[in-house]
Amino acid sequence: MQINWLLNWIMLIGLSAIWGSSFILMKLGMYTETHEIIFSNNQVAALRMTIAGLALFPWSLKSFRNLKDVKNLFPLAIVGLCGNFFPAFLRFLNDFSDQGKRARPAIVIRSAAT
């Protein structure tokens, strides 16, 4: 029992280090040593999603073959759309449309003296 507890903590710390360092490494990979841009934010996000999809593709094929009931595909599709597609699509629309810049509320604070 003691080994499982320790192993769980080691895995949690390892996962946290890998997950947290990925954002730092993405930021470092976007620029050269002289701070010139290599990849834009959208390119790095697209590369990250593509590489993750390609890495997980073999396991997804195996899992879909083992899927017994077709009605379970609908909830999986909803999770995929809500977790990945819609946030990426909305970010894309916000970055490349003028409406996204105009839609942000501008708050003006005036002092009592004026």
PDB file of N, CA and C in Angstrom:
ATOM      1  N   MET A   1       0.815  -1.193   0.000  1.00  0.00           N
ATOM      2  CA  MET A   1       0.000   0.000   0.000  1.00  0.00           C
ATOM      3  C   MET A   1       0.858   1.256   0.000  1.00  0.00           C
ATOM      4  N   GLN A   2       1.942   1.245   0.717  1.00  0.00           N
ATOM      5  CA  GLN A   2       2.838   2.394   0.794  1.00  0.00           C
ATOM      6  C   GLN A   2       3.480   2.674  -0.565  1.00  0.00           C
ATOM      7  N   ILE A   3       3.773   1.631  -1.330  1.00  0.00           N
ATOM      8  CA  ILE A   3       4.409   1.802  -2.634  1.00  0.00           C
ATOM      9  C   ILE A   3       3.444   2.476  -3.611  1.00  0.00           C
ATOM     10  N   ASN A   4       2.171   2.099  -3.586  1.00  0.00           N
ATOM     11  CA  ASN A   4       1.183   2.720  -4.469  1.00  0.00           C
ATOM     12  C   ASN A   4       1.044   4.206  -4.181  1.00  0.00           C
ATOM     13  N   TRP A   5       1.045   4.577  -2.912  1.00  0.00           N
ATOM     14  CA  TRP A   5       0.929   5.977  -2.530  1.00  0.00           C
ATOM     15  C   TRP A   5       2.123   6.767  -3.045  1.00  0.00           C
ATOM     16  N   LEU A   6       3.315   6.229  -2.859  1.00  0.00           N
ATOM     17  CA  LEU A   6       4.527   6.905  -3.321  1.00  0.00           C
ATOM     18  C   LEU A   6       4.571   6.967  -4.836  1.00  0.00           C
ATOM     19  N   LEU A   7       4.195   5.892  -5.499  1.00  0.00           N
ATOM     20  CA  LEU A   7       4.190   5.861  -6.965  1.00  0.00           C
ATOM     21  C   LEU A   7       3.192   6.867  -7.529  1.00  0.00           C
ATOM     22  N   ASN A   8       2.040   6.996  -6.900  1.00  0.00           N
ATOM     23  CA  ASN A   8       1.044   7.985  -7.335  1.00  0.00           C
ATOM     24  C   ASN A   8       1.598   9.401  -7.233  1.00  0.00           C
ATOM     25  N   TRP A   9       2.293   9.720  -6.148  1.00  0.00           N
ATOM     26  CA  TRP A   9       2.866  11.053  -5.998  1.00  0.00           C
ATOM     27  C   TRP A   9       3.981  11.307  -7.007  1.00  0.00           C
ATOM     28  N   ILE A  10       4.801  10.292  -7.264  1.00  0.00           N
ATOM     29  CA  ILE A  10       5.877  10.449  -8.255  1.00  0.00           C
ATOM     30  C   ILE A  10       5.289  10.674  -9.641  1.00  0.00           C
ATOM     31  N   MET A  11       4.235   9.924  -9.983  1.00  0.00           N
ATOM     32  CA  MET A  11       3.598  10.114 -11.292  1.00  0.00           C
ATOM     33  C   MET A  11       2.936  11.485 -11.392  1.00  0.00           C
ATOM     34  N   LEU A  12       2.315  11.955 -10.316  1.00  0.00           N
ATOM     35  CA  LEU A  12       1.682  13.268 -10.332  1.00  0.00           C
ATOM     36  C   LEU A  12       2.715  14.375 -10.520  1.00  0.00           C
ATOM     37  N   ILE A  13       3.822  14.289  -9.819  1.00  0.00           N
ATOM     38  CA  ILE A  13       4.877  15.298  -9.946  1.00  0.00           C
ATOM     39  C   ILE A  13       5.493  15.248 -11.342  1.00  0.00           C
ATOM     40  N   GLY A  14       5.707  14.042 -11.867  1.00  0.00           N
ATOM     41  CA  GLY A  14       6.245  13.904 -13.222  1.00  0.00           C
ATOM     42  C   GLY A  14       5.305  14.466 -14.276  1.00  0.00           C
ATOM     43  N   LEU A  15       4.015  14.169 -14.145  1.00  0.00           N
ATOM     44  CA  LEU A  15       3.025  14.700 -15.076  1.00  0.00           C
ATOM     45  C   LEU A  15       2.960  16.217 -14.997  1.00  0.00           C
ATOM     46  N   SER A  16       3.021  16.759 -13.806  1.00  0.00           N
ATOM     47  CA  SER A  16       3.004  18.215 -13.637  1.00  0.00           C
ATOM     48  C   SER A  16       4.220  18.864 -14.285  1.00  0.00           C
ATOM     49  N   ALA A  17       5.379  18.235 -14.137  1.00  0.00           N
ATOM     50  CA  ALA A  17       6.597  18.780 -14.746  1.00  0.00           C
ATOM     51  C   ALA A  17       6.520  18.740 -16.266  1.00  0.00           C
ATOM     52  N   ILE A  18       6.038  17.635 -16.808  1.00  0.00           N
ATOM     53  CA  ILE A  18       5.921  17.524 -18.270  1.00  0.00           C
ATOM     54  C   ILE A  18       4.890  18.499 -18.798  1.00  0.00           C
ATOM     55  N   TRP A  19       3.732  18.553 -18.163  1.00  0.00           N
ATOM     56  CA  TRP A  19       2.660  19.413 -18.632  1.00  0.00           C
ATOM     57  C   TRP A  19       3.039  20.892 -18.497  1.00  0.00           C
ATOM     58  N   GLY A  20       3.615  21.263 -17.380  1.00  0.00           N
ATOM     59  CA  GLY A  20       3.993  22.660 -17.174  1.00  0.00           C
ATOM     60  C   GLY A  20       5.146  23.104 -18.052  1.00  0.00           C
ATOM     61  N   SER A  21       6.101  22.205 -18.292  1.00  0.00           N
ATOM     62  CA  SER A  21       7.247  22.593 -19.110  1.00  0.00           C
ATOM     63  C   SER A  21       6.890  22.711 -20.585  1.00  0.00           C
ATOM     64  N   SER A  22       5.805  22.091 -21.014  1.00  0.00           N
ATOM     65  CA  SER A  22       5.457  22.177 -22.432  1.00  0.00           C
ATOM     66  C   SER A  22       5.146  23.613 -22.841  1.00  0.00           C
ATOM     67  N   PHE A  23       4.531  24.389 -21.955  1.00  0.00           N
ATOM     68  CA  PHE A  23       4.212  25.778 -22.295  1.00  0.00           C
ATOM     69  C   PHE A  23       5.479  26.632 -22.351  1.00  0.00           C
ATOM     70  N   ILE A  24       6.401  26.363 -21.453  1.00  0.00           N
ATOM     71  CA  ILE A  24       7.666  27.093 -21.474  1.00  0.00           C
ATOM     72  C   ILE A  24       8.452  26.753 -22.735  1.00  0.00           C
ATOM     73  N   LEU A  25       8.482  25.473 -23.076  1.00  0.00           N
ATOM     74  CA  LEU A  25       9.214  25.053 -24.269  1.00  0.00           C
ATOM     75  C   LEU A  25       8.563  25.582 -25.546  1.00  0.00           C
ATOM     76  N   MET A  26       7.238  25.677 -25.571  1.00  0.00           N
ATOM     77  CA  MET A  26       6.570  26.266 -26.735  1.00  0.00           C
ATOM     78  C   MET A  26       6.970  27.734 -26.884  1.00  0.00           C
ATOM     79  N   LYS A  27       7.001  28.447 -25.775  1.00  0.00           N
ATOM     80  CA  LYS A  27       7.373  29.858 -25.816  1.00  0.00           C
ATOM     81  C   LYS A  27       8.824  30.029 -26.276  1.00  0.00           C
ATOM     82  N   LEU A  28       9.714  29.164 -25.777  1.00  0.00           N
ATOM     83  CA  LEU A  28      11.110  29.239 -26.197  1.00  0.00           C
ATOM     84  C   LEU A  28      11.281  28.850 -27.663  1.00  0.00           C
ATOM     85  N   GLY A  29      10.465  27.942 -28.150  1.00  0.00           N
ATOM     86  CA  GLY A  29      10.578  27.491 -29.528  1.00  0.00           C
ATOM     87  C   GLY A  29      10.020  28.462 -30.542  1.00  0.00           C
ATOM     88  N   MET A  30       9.310  29.467 -30.102  1.00  0.00           N
ATOM     89  CA  MET A  30       8.719  30.438 -31.022  1.00  0.00           C
ATOM     90  C   MET A  30       9.713  31.491 -31.489  1.00  0.00           C
ATOM     91  N   TYR A  31      10.804  31.682 -30.756  1.00  0.00           N
ATOM     92  CA  TYR A  31      11.732  32.775 -31.052  1.00  0.00           C
ATOM     93  C   TYR A  31      13.156  32.252 -31.192  1.00  0.00           C
ATOM     94  N   THR A  32      13.973  32.992 -31.949  1.00  0.00           N
ATOM     95  CA  THR A  32      15.396  32.682 -32.035  1.00  0.00           C
ATOM     96  C   THR A  32      16.106  33.311 -30.843  1.00  0.00           C
ATOM     97  N   GLU A  33      17.416  33.142 -30.809  1.00  0.00           N
ATOM     98  CA  GLU A  33      18.184  33.729 -29.706  1.00  0.00           C
ATOM     99  C   GLU A  33      18.177  35.251 -29.759  1.00  0.00           C
ATOM    100  N   THR A  34      17.966  35.803 -30.952  1.00  0.00           N
ATOM    101  CA  THR A  34      17.917  37.265 -31.098  1.00  0.00           C
ATOM    102  C   THR A  34      16.474  37.785 -31.048  1.00  0.00           C
ATOM    103  N   HIS A  35      15.553  36.963 -30.557  1.00  0.00           N
ATOM    104  CA  HIS A  35      14.140  37.307 -30.364  1.00  0.00           C
ATOM    105  C   HIS A  35      13.405  37.590 -31.663  1.00  0.00           C
ATOM    106  N   GLU A  36      13.809  36.930 -32.739  1.00  0.00           N
ATOM    107  CA  GLU A  36      13.055  37.003 -33.985  1.00  0.00           C
ATOM    108  C   GLU A  36      12.016  35.892 -33.965  1.00  0.00           C
ATOM    109  N   ILE A  37      10.856  36.181 -34.518  1.00  0.00           N
ATOM    110  CA  ILE A  37       9.756  35.222 -34.477  1.00  0.00           C
ATOM    111  C   ILE A  37       9.996  34.112 -35.498  1.00  0.00           C
ATOM    112  N   ILE A  38       9.924  32.857 -35.030  1.00  0.00           N
ATOM    113  CA  ILE A  38      10.009  31.699 -35.925  1.00  0.00           C
ATOM    114  C   ILE A  38       8.602  31.242 -36.287  1.00  0.00           C
ATOM    115  N   PHE A  39       7.774  31.019 -35.273  1.00  0.00           N
ATOM    116  CA  PHE A  39       6.399  30.580 -35.457  1.00  0.00           C
ATOM    117  C   PHE A  39       5.470  31.537 -34.722  1.00  0.00           C
ATOM    118  N   SER A  40       4.271  31.746 -35.284  1.00  0.00           N
ATOM    119  CA  SER A  40       3.270  32.561 -34.596  1.00  0.00           C
ATOM    120  C   SER A  40       2.565  31.711 -33.539  1.00  0.00           C
ATOM    121  N   ASN A  41       1.754  32.350 -32.724  1.00  0.00           N
ATOM    122  CA  ASN A  41       0.998  31.628 -31.696  1.00  0.00           C
ATOM    123  C   ASN A  41       0.091  30.569 -32.318  1.00  0.00           C
ATOM    124  N   ASN A  42      -0.573  30.942 -33.404  1.00  0.00           N
ATOM    125  CA  ASN A  42      -1.487  30.007 -34.053  1.00  0.00           C
ATOM    126  C   ASN A  42      -0.743  28.835 -34.675  1.00  0.00           C
ATOM    127  N   GLN A  43       0.426  29.083 -35.224  1.00  0.00           N
ATOM    128  CA  GLN A  43       1.203  27.994 -35.808  1.00  0.00           C
ATOM    129  C   GLN A  43       1.665  27.015 -34.732  1.00  0.00           C
ATOM    130  N   VAL A  44       2.097  27.521 -33.596  1.00  0.00           N
ATOM    131  CA  VAL A  44       2.534  26.644 -32.507  1.00  0.00           C
ATOM    132  C   VAL A  44       1.350  25.832 -31.987  1.00  0.00           C
ATOM    133  N   ALA A  45       0.192  26.456 -31.839  1.00  0.00           N
ATOM    134  CA  ALA A  45      -0.987  25.729 -31.373  1.00  0.00           C
ATOM    135  C   ALA A  45      -1.398  24.660 -32.383  1.00  0.00           C
ATOM    136  N   ALA A  46      -1.361  24.988 -33.667  1.00  0.00           N
ATOM    137  CA  ALA A  46      -1.717  24.010 -34.699  1.00  0.00           C
ATOM    138  C   ALA A  46      -0.717  22.854 -34.733  1.00  0.00           C
ATOM    139  N   LEU A  47       0.566  23.159 -34.604  1.00  0.00           N
ATOM    140  CA  LEU A  47       1.578  22.101 -34.561  1.00  0.00           C
ATOM    141  C   LEU A  47       1.370  21.196 -33.353  1.00  0.00           C
ATOM    142  N   ARG A  48       1.071  21.791 -32.227  1.00  0.00           N
ATOM    143  CA  ARG A  48       0.870  21.011 -30.998  1.00  0.00           C
ATOM    144  C   ARG A  48      -0.326  20.076 -31.136  1.00  0.00           C
ATOM    145  N   MET A  49      -1.432  20.577 -31.672  1.00  0.00           N
ATOM    146  CA  MET A  49      -2.621  19.744 -31.862  1.00  0.00           C
ATOM    147  C   MET A  49      -2.365  18.643 -32.890  1.00  0.00           C
ATOM    148  N   THR A  50      -1.653  18.960 -33.970  1.00  0.00           N
ATOM    149  CA  THR A  50      -1.368  17.977 -35.009  1.00  0.00           C
ATOM    150  C   THR A  50      -0.455  16.871 -34.492  1.00  0.00           C
ATOM    151  N   ILE A  51       0.603  17.244 -33.802  1.00  0.00           N
ATOM    152  CA  ILE A  51       1.527  16.249 -33.265  1.00  0.00           C
ATOM    153  C   ILE A  51       0.830  15.366 -32.232  1.00  0.00           C
ATOM    154  N   ALA A  52       0.005  15.960 -31.379  1.00  0.00           N
ATOM    155  CA  ALA A  52      -0.737  15.169 -30.392  1.00  0.00           C
ATOM    156  C   ALA A  52      -1.705  14.217 -31.076  1.00  0.00           C
ATOM    157  N   GLY A  53      -2.386  14.682 -32.108  1.00  0.00           N
ATOM    158  CA  GLY A  53      -3.310  13.823 -32.849  1.00  0.00           C
ATOM    159  C   GLY A  53      -2.603  12.666 -33.520  1.00  0.00           C
ATOM    160  N   LEU A  54      -1.460  12.939 -34.135  1.00  0.00           N
ATOM    161  CA  LEU A  54      -0.697  11.869 -34.785  1.00  0.00           C
ATOM    162  C   LEU A  54      -0.143  10.876 -33.771  1.00  0.00           C
ATOM    163  N   ALA A  55       0.280  11.375 -32.618  1.00  0.00           N
ATOM    164  CA  ALA A  55       0.826  10.485 -31.590  1.00  0.00           C
ATOM    165  C   ALA A  55      -0.257   9.591 -30.994  1.00  0.00           C
ATOM    166  N   LEU A  56      -1.467  10.092 -30.868  1.00  0.00           N
ATOM    167  CA  LEU A  56      -2.551   9.318 -30.261  1.00  0.00           C
ATOM    168  C   LEU A  56      -3.361   8.506 -31.264  1.00  0.00           C
ATOM    169  N   PHE A  57      -3.103   8.680 -32.554  1.00  0.00           N
ATOM    170  CA  PHE A  57      -3.880   8.005 -33.591  1.00  0.00           C
ATOM    171  C   PHE A  57      -3.857   6.482 -33.485  1.00  0.00           C
ATOM    172  N   PRO A  58      -2.707   5.838 -33.281  1.00  0.00           N
ATOM    173  CA  PRO A  58      -2.730   4.369 -33.163  1.00  0.00           C
ATOM    174  C   PRO A  58      -3.593   3.870 -32.008  1.00  0.00           C
ATOM    175  N   TRP A  59      -3.560   4.543 -30.871  1.00  0.00           N
ATOM    176  CA  TRP A  59      -4.393   4.132 -29.739  1.00  0.00           C
ATOM    177  C   TRP A  59      -5.869   4.380 -30.014  1.00  0.00           C
ATOM    178  N   SER A  60      -6.171   5.434 -30.759  1.00  0.00           N
ATOM    179  CA  SER A  60      -7.573   5.704 -31.058  1.00  0.00           C
ATOM    180  C   SER A  60      -8.143   4.634 -31.980  1.00  0.00           C
ATOM    181  N   LEU A  61      -7.358   4.152 -32.945  1.00  0.00           N
ATOM    182  CA  LEU A  61      -7.840   3.070 -33.806  1.00  0.00           C
ATOM    183  C   LEU A  61      -8.145   1.814 -32.999  1.00  0.00           C
ATOM    184  N   LYS A  62      -7.256   1.478 -32.085  1.00  0.00           N
ATOM    185  CA  LYS A  62      -7.464   0.299 -31.247  1.00  0.00           C
ATOM    186  C   LYS A  62      -8.708   0.475 -30.372  1.00  0.00           C
ATOM    187  N   SER A  63      -8.880   1.667 -29.826  1.00  0.00           N
ATOM    188  CA  SER A  63     -10.038   1.916 -28.958  1.00  0.00           C
ATOM    189  C   SER A  63     -11.339   1.880 -29.743  1.00  0.00           C
ATOM    190  N   PHE A  64     -11.343   2.424 -30.967  1.00  0.00           N
ATOM    191  CA  PHE A  64     -12.565   2.399 -31.760  1.00  0.00           C
ATOM    192  C   PHE A  64     -12.931   0.983 -32.188  1.00  0.00           C
ATOM    193  N   ARG A  65     -11.940   0.142 -32.413  1.00  0.00           N
ATOM    194  CA  ARG A  65     -12.229  -1.262 -32.746  1.00  0.00           C
ATOM    195  C   ARG A  65     -12.854  -1.981 -31.566  1.00  0.00           C
ATOM    196  N   ASN A  66     -12.463  -1.611 -30.354  1.00  0.00           N
ATOM    197  CA  ASN A  66     -13.002  -2.259 -29.162  1.00  0.00           C
ATOM    198  C   ASN A  66     -14.327  -1.652 -28.707  1.00  0.00           C
ATOM    199  N   LEU A  67     -14.772  -0.588 -29.350  1.00  0.00           N
ATOM    200  CA  LEU A  67     -16.019   0.064 -28.986  1.00  0.00           C
ATOM    201  C   LEU A  67     -17.192  -0.839 -29.368  1.00  0.00           C
ATOM    202  N   LYS A  68     -17.964  -1.236 -28.391  1.00  0.00           N
ATOM    203  CA  LYS A  68     -19.048  -2.196 -28.618  1.00  0.00           C
ATOM    204  C   LYS A  68     -20.327  -1.533 -29.122  1.00  0.00           C
ATOM    205  N   ASP A  69     -20.624  -0.365 -28.600  1.00  0.00           N
ATOM    206  CA  ASP A  69     -21.897   0.268 -28.907  1.00  0.00           C
ATOM    207  C   ASP A  69     -21.660   1.562 -29.676  1.00  0.00           C
ATOM    208  N   VAL A  70     -22.318   1.725 -30.800  1.00  0.00           N
ATOM    209  CA  VAL A  70     -22.128   2.897 -31.648  1.00  0.00           C
ATOM    210  C   VAL A  70     -22.711   4.152 -30.994  1.00  0.00           C
ATOM    211  N   LYS A  71     -23.680   3.994 -30.096  1.00  0.00           N
ATOM    212  CA  LYS A  71     -24.293   5.172 -29.478  1.00  0.00           C
ATOM    213  C   LYS A  71     -23.308   5.917 -28.565  1.00  0.00           C
ATOM    214  N   ASN A  72     -22.187   5.306 -28.218  1.00  0.00           N
ATOM    215  CA  ASN A  72     -21.173   5.981 -27.412  1.00  0.00           C
ATOM    216  C   ASN A  72     -20.326   6.949 -28.232  1.00  0.00           C
ATOM    217  N   LEU A  73     -20.433   6.898 -29.561  1.00  0.00           N
ATOM    218  CA  LEU A  73     -19.659   7.810 -30.405  1.00  0.00           C
ATOM    219  C   LEU A  73     -20.152   9.250 -30.299  1.00  0.00           C
ATOM    220  N   PHE A  74     -21.445   9.451 -30.101  1.00  0.00           N
ATOM    221  CA  PHE A  74     -21.982  10.804 -30.006  1.00  0.00           C
ATOM    222  C   PHE A  74     -21.409  11.577 -28.812  1.00  0.00           C
ATOM    223  N   PRO A  75     -21.389  11.013 -27.595  1.00  0.00           N
ATOM    224  CA  PRO A  75     -20.766  11.746 -26.480  1.00  0.00           C
ATOM    225  C   PRO A  75     -19.273  11.991 -26.702  1.00  0.00           C
ATOM    226  N   LEU A  76     -18.585  11.041 -27.337  1.00  0.00           N
ATOM    227  CA  LEU A  76     -17.167  11.245 -27.638  1.00  0.00           C
ATOM    228  C   LEU A  76     -16.972  12.395 -28.621  1.00  0.00           C
ATOM    229  N   ALA A  77     -17.854  12.482 -29.606  1.00  0.00           N
ATOM    230  CA  ALA A  77     -17.771  13.581 -30.571  1.00  0.00           C
ATOM    231  C   ALA A  77     -18.052  14.925 -29.903  1.00  0.00           C
ATOM    232  N   ILE A  78     -18.996  14.969 -28.990  1.00  0.00           N
ATOM    233  CA  ILE A  78     -19.308  16.208 -28.264  1.00  0.00           C
ATOM    234  C   ILE A  78     -18.109  16.653 -27.432  1.00  0.00           C
ATOM    235  N   VAL A  79     -17.473  15.710 -26.739  1.00  0.00           N
ATOM    236  CA  VAL A  79     -16.298  16.042 -25.933  1.00  0.00           C
ATOM    237  C   VAL A  79     -15.178  16.563 -26.823  1.00  0.00           C
ATOM    238  N   GLY A  80     -14.952  15.918 -27.956  1.00  0.00           N
ATOM    239  CA  GLY A  80     -13.909  16.369 -28.878  1.00  0.00           C
ATOM    240  C   GLY A  80     -14.183  17.745 -29.438  1.00  0.00           C
ATOM    241  N   LEU A  81     -15.431  17.994 -29.810  1.00  0.00           N
ATOM    242  CA  LEU A  81     -15.779  19.302 -30.369  1.00  0.00           C
ATOM    243  C   LEU A  81     -15.681  20.408 -29.318  1.00  0.00           C
ATOM    244  N   CYS A  82     -16.205  20.154 -28.127  1.00  0.00           N
ATOM    245  CA  CYS A  82     -16.189  21.179 -27.076  1.00  0.00           C
ATOM    246  C   CYS A  82     -14.798  21.400 -26.505  1.00  0.00           C
ATOM    247  N   GLY A  83     -13.995  20.358 -26.452  1.00  0.00           N
ATOM    248  CA  GLY A  83     -12.678  20.477 -25.836  1.00  0.00           C
ATOM    249  C   GLY A  83     -11.595  20.961 -26.760  1.00  0.00           C
ATOM    250  N   ASN A  84     -11.722  20.713 -28.056  1.00  0.00           N
ATOM    251  CA  ASN A  84     -10.651  21.063 -28.982  1.00  0.00           C
ATOM    252  C   ASN A  84     -11.094  21.947 -30.130  1.00  0.00           C
ATOM    253  N   PHE A  85     -12.128  21.525 -30.852  1.00  0.00           N
ATOM    254  CA  PHE A  85     -12.482  22.236 -32.075  1.00  0.00           C
ATOM    255  C   PHE A  85     -13.046  23.625 -31.808  1.00  0.00           C
ATOM    256  N   PHE A  86     -14.053  23.726 -30.962  1.00  0.00           N
ATOM    257  CA  PHE A  86     -14.691  25.029 -30.739  1.00  0.00           C
ATOM    258  C   PHE A  86     -13.742  26.070 -30.146  1.00  0.00           C
ATOM    259  N   PRO A  87     -12.940  25.746 -29.119  1.00  0.00           N
ATOM    260  CA  PRO A  87     -12.005  26.765 -28.625  1.00  0.00           C
ATOM    261  C   PRO A  87     -10.995  27.208 -29.688  1.00  0.00           C
ATOM    262  N   ALA A  88     -10.479  26.259 -30.472  1.00  0.00           N
ATOM    263  CA  ALA A  88      -9.517  26.623 -31.513  1.00  0.00           C
ATOM    264  C   ALA A  88     -10.187  27.450 -32.599  1.00  0.00           C
ATOM    265  N   PHE A  89     -11.411  27.080 -32.976  1.00  0.00           N
ATOM    266  CA  PHE A  89     -12.135  27.811 -34.016  1.00  0.00           C
ATOM    267  C   PHE A  89     -12.484  29.227 -33.556  1.00  0.00           C
ATOM    268  N   LEU A  90     -12.930  29.369 -32.307  1.00  0.00           N
ATOM    269  CA  LEU A  90     -13.254  30.693 -31.790  1.00  0.00           C
ATOM    270  C   LEU A  90     -12.009  31.566 -31.668  1.00  0.00           C
ATOM    271  N   ARG A  91     -10.904  30.968 -31.288  1.00  0.00           N
ATOM    272  CA  ARG A  91      -9.639  31.717 -31.221  1.00  0.00           C
ATOM    273  C   ARG A  91      -9.233  32.192 -32.613  1.00  0.00           C
ATOM    274  N   PHE A  92      -9.394  31.311 -33.599  1.00  0.00           N
ATOM    275  CA  PHE A  92      -9.080  31.659 -34.979  1.00  0.00           C
ATOM    276  C   PHE A  92      -9.949  32.819 -35.451  1.00  0.00           C
ATOM    277  N   LEU A  93     -11.242  32.750 -35.163  1.00  0.00           N
ATOM    278  CA  LEU A  93     -12.143  33.836 -35.566  1.00  0.00           C
ATOM    279  C   LEU A  93     -11.794  35.139 -34.868  1.00  0.00           C
ATOM    280  N   ASN A  94     -11.440  35.073 -33.598  1.00  0.00           N
ATOM    281  CA  ASN A  94     -11.110  36.271 -32.842  1.00  0.00           C
ATOM    282  C   ASN A  94      -9.822  36.917 -33.351  1.00  0.00           C
ATOM    283  N   ASP A  95      -8.847  36.100 -33.735  1.00  0.00           N
ATOM    284  CA  ASP A  95      -7.570  36.637 -34.200  1.00  0.00           C
ATOM    285  C   ASP A  95      -7.651  37.251 -35.584  1.00  0.00           C
ATOM    286  N   PHE A  96      -8.491  36.698 -36.449  1.00  0.00           N
ATOM    287  CA  PHE A  96      -8.485  37.123 -37.841  1.00  0.00           C
ATOM    288  C   PHE A  96      -9.704  37.923 -38.261  1.00  0.00           C
ATOM    289  N   SER A  97     -10.440  38.447 -37.311  1.00  0.00           N
ATOM    290  CA  SER A  97     -11.572  39.284 -37.688  1.00  0.00           C
ATOM    291  C   SER A  97     -11.462  40.638 -36.983  1.00  0.00           C
ATOM    292  N   ASP A  98     -11.926  41.647 -37.660  1.00  0.00           N
ATOM    293  CA  ASP A  98     -11.948  42.977 -37.050  1.00  0.00           C
ATOM    294  C   ASP A  98     -13.023  43.059 -35.978  1.00  0.00           C
ATOM    295  N   GLN A  99     -14.070  42.263 -36.119  1.00  0.00           N
ATOM    296  CA  GLN A  99     -15.147  42.287 -35.136  1.00  0.00           C
ATOM    297  C   GLN A  99     -14.661  41.867 -33.754  1.00  0.00           C
ATOM    298  N   GLY A 100     -13.714  40.945 -33.704  1.00  0.00           N
ATOM    299  CA  GLY A 100     -13.187  40.496 -32.424  1.00  0.00           C
ATOM    300  C   GLY A 100     -12.500  41.613 -31.681  1.00  0.00           C
ATOM    301  N   LYS A 101     -11.844  42.506 -32.422  1.00  0.00           N
ATOM    302  CA  LYS A 101     -11.169  43.631 -31.782  1.00  0.00           C
ATOM    303  C   LYS A 101     -12.170  44.704 -31.361  1.00  0.00           C
ATOM    304  N   ARG A 102     -13.218  44.872 -32.146  1.00  0.00           N
ATOM    305  CA  ARG A 102     -14.216  45.881 -31.802  1.00  0.00           C
ATOM    306  C   ARG A 102     -15.175  45.405 -30.722  1.00  0.00           C
ATOM    307  N   ALA A 103     -15.302  44.118 -30.572  1.00  0.00           N
ATOM    308  CA  ALA A 103     -16.273  43.587 -29.616  1.00  0.00           C
ATOM    309  C   ALA A 103     -15.786  43.677 -28.172  1.00  0.00           C
ATOM    310  N   ARG A 104     -14.512  43.906 -27.983  1.00  0.00           N
ATOM    311  CA  ARG A 104     -13.992  44.018 -26.616  1.00  0.00           C
ATOM    312  C   ARG A 104     -14.497  45.316 -25.992  1.00  0.00           C
ATOM    313  N   PRO A 105     -15.057  45.253 -24.823  1.00  0.00           N
ATOM    314  CA  PRO A 105     -15.607  46.465 -24.218  1.00  0.00           C
ATOM    315  C   PRO A 105     -14.509  47.430 -23.779  1.00  0.00           C
ATOM    316  N   ALA A 106     -14.731  48.677 -24.048  1.00  0.00           N
ATOM    317  CA  ALA A 106     -13.794  49.719 -23.625  1.00  0.00           C
ATOM    318  C   ALA A 106     -14.390  50.406 -22.411  1.00  0.00           C
ATOM    319  N   ILE A 107     -13.672  50.367 -21.307  1.00  0.00           N
ATOM    320  CA  ILE A 107     -14.142  50.989 -20.077  1.00  0.00           C
ATOM    321  C   ILE A 107     -13.406  52.315 -19.901  1.00  0.00           C
ATOM    322  N   VAL A 108     -14.178  53.368 -19.781  1.00  0.00           N
ATOM    323  CA  VAL A 108     -13.603  54.691 -19.603  1.00  0.00           C
ATOM    324  C   VAL A 108     -13.914  55.147 -18.189  1.00  0.00           C
ATOM    325  N   ILE A 109     -12.878  55.470 -17.438  1.00  0.00           N
ATOM    326  CA  ILE A 109     -13.054  55.949 -16.071  1.00  0.00           C
ATOM    327  C   ILE A 109     -12.702  57.412 -16.036  1.00  0.00           C
ATOM    328  N   ARG A 110     -13.622  58.223 -15.629  1.00  0.00           N
ATOM    329  CA  ARG A 110     -13.399  59.656 -15.553  1.00  0.00           C
ATOM    330  C   ARG A 110     -13.259  60.065 -14.087  1.00  0.00           C
ATOM    331  N   SER A 111     -12.356  60.960 -13.875  1.00  0.00           N
ATOM    332  CA  SER A 111     -12.199  61.419 -12.491  1.00  0.00           C
ATOM    333  C   SER A 111     -13.299  62.400 -12.143  1.00  0.00           C
ATOM    334  N   ALA A 112     -13.504  62.599 -10.859  1.00  0.00           N
ATOM    335  CA  ALA A 112     -14.561  63.506 -10.398  1.00  0.00           C
ATOM    336  C   ALA A 112     -14.223  64.959 -10.692  1.00  0.00           C
ATOM    337  N   ALA A 113     -12.919  65.284 -10.928  1.00  0.00           N
ATOM    338  CA  ALA A 113     -12.519  66.663 -11.166  1.00  0.00           C
ATOM    339  C   ALA A 113     -12.902  67.153 -12.552  1.00  0.00           C
ATOM    340  N   THR A 114     -13.087  66.262 -13.514  1.00  0.00           N
ATOM    341  CA  THR A 114     -13.378  66.727 -14.871  1.00  0.00           C
ATOM    342  C   THR A 114     -14.828  66.752 -15.181  1.00  0.00           C
TER     343      THR A 114
END
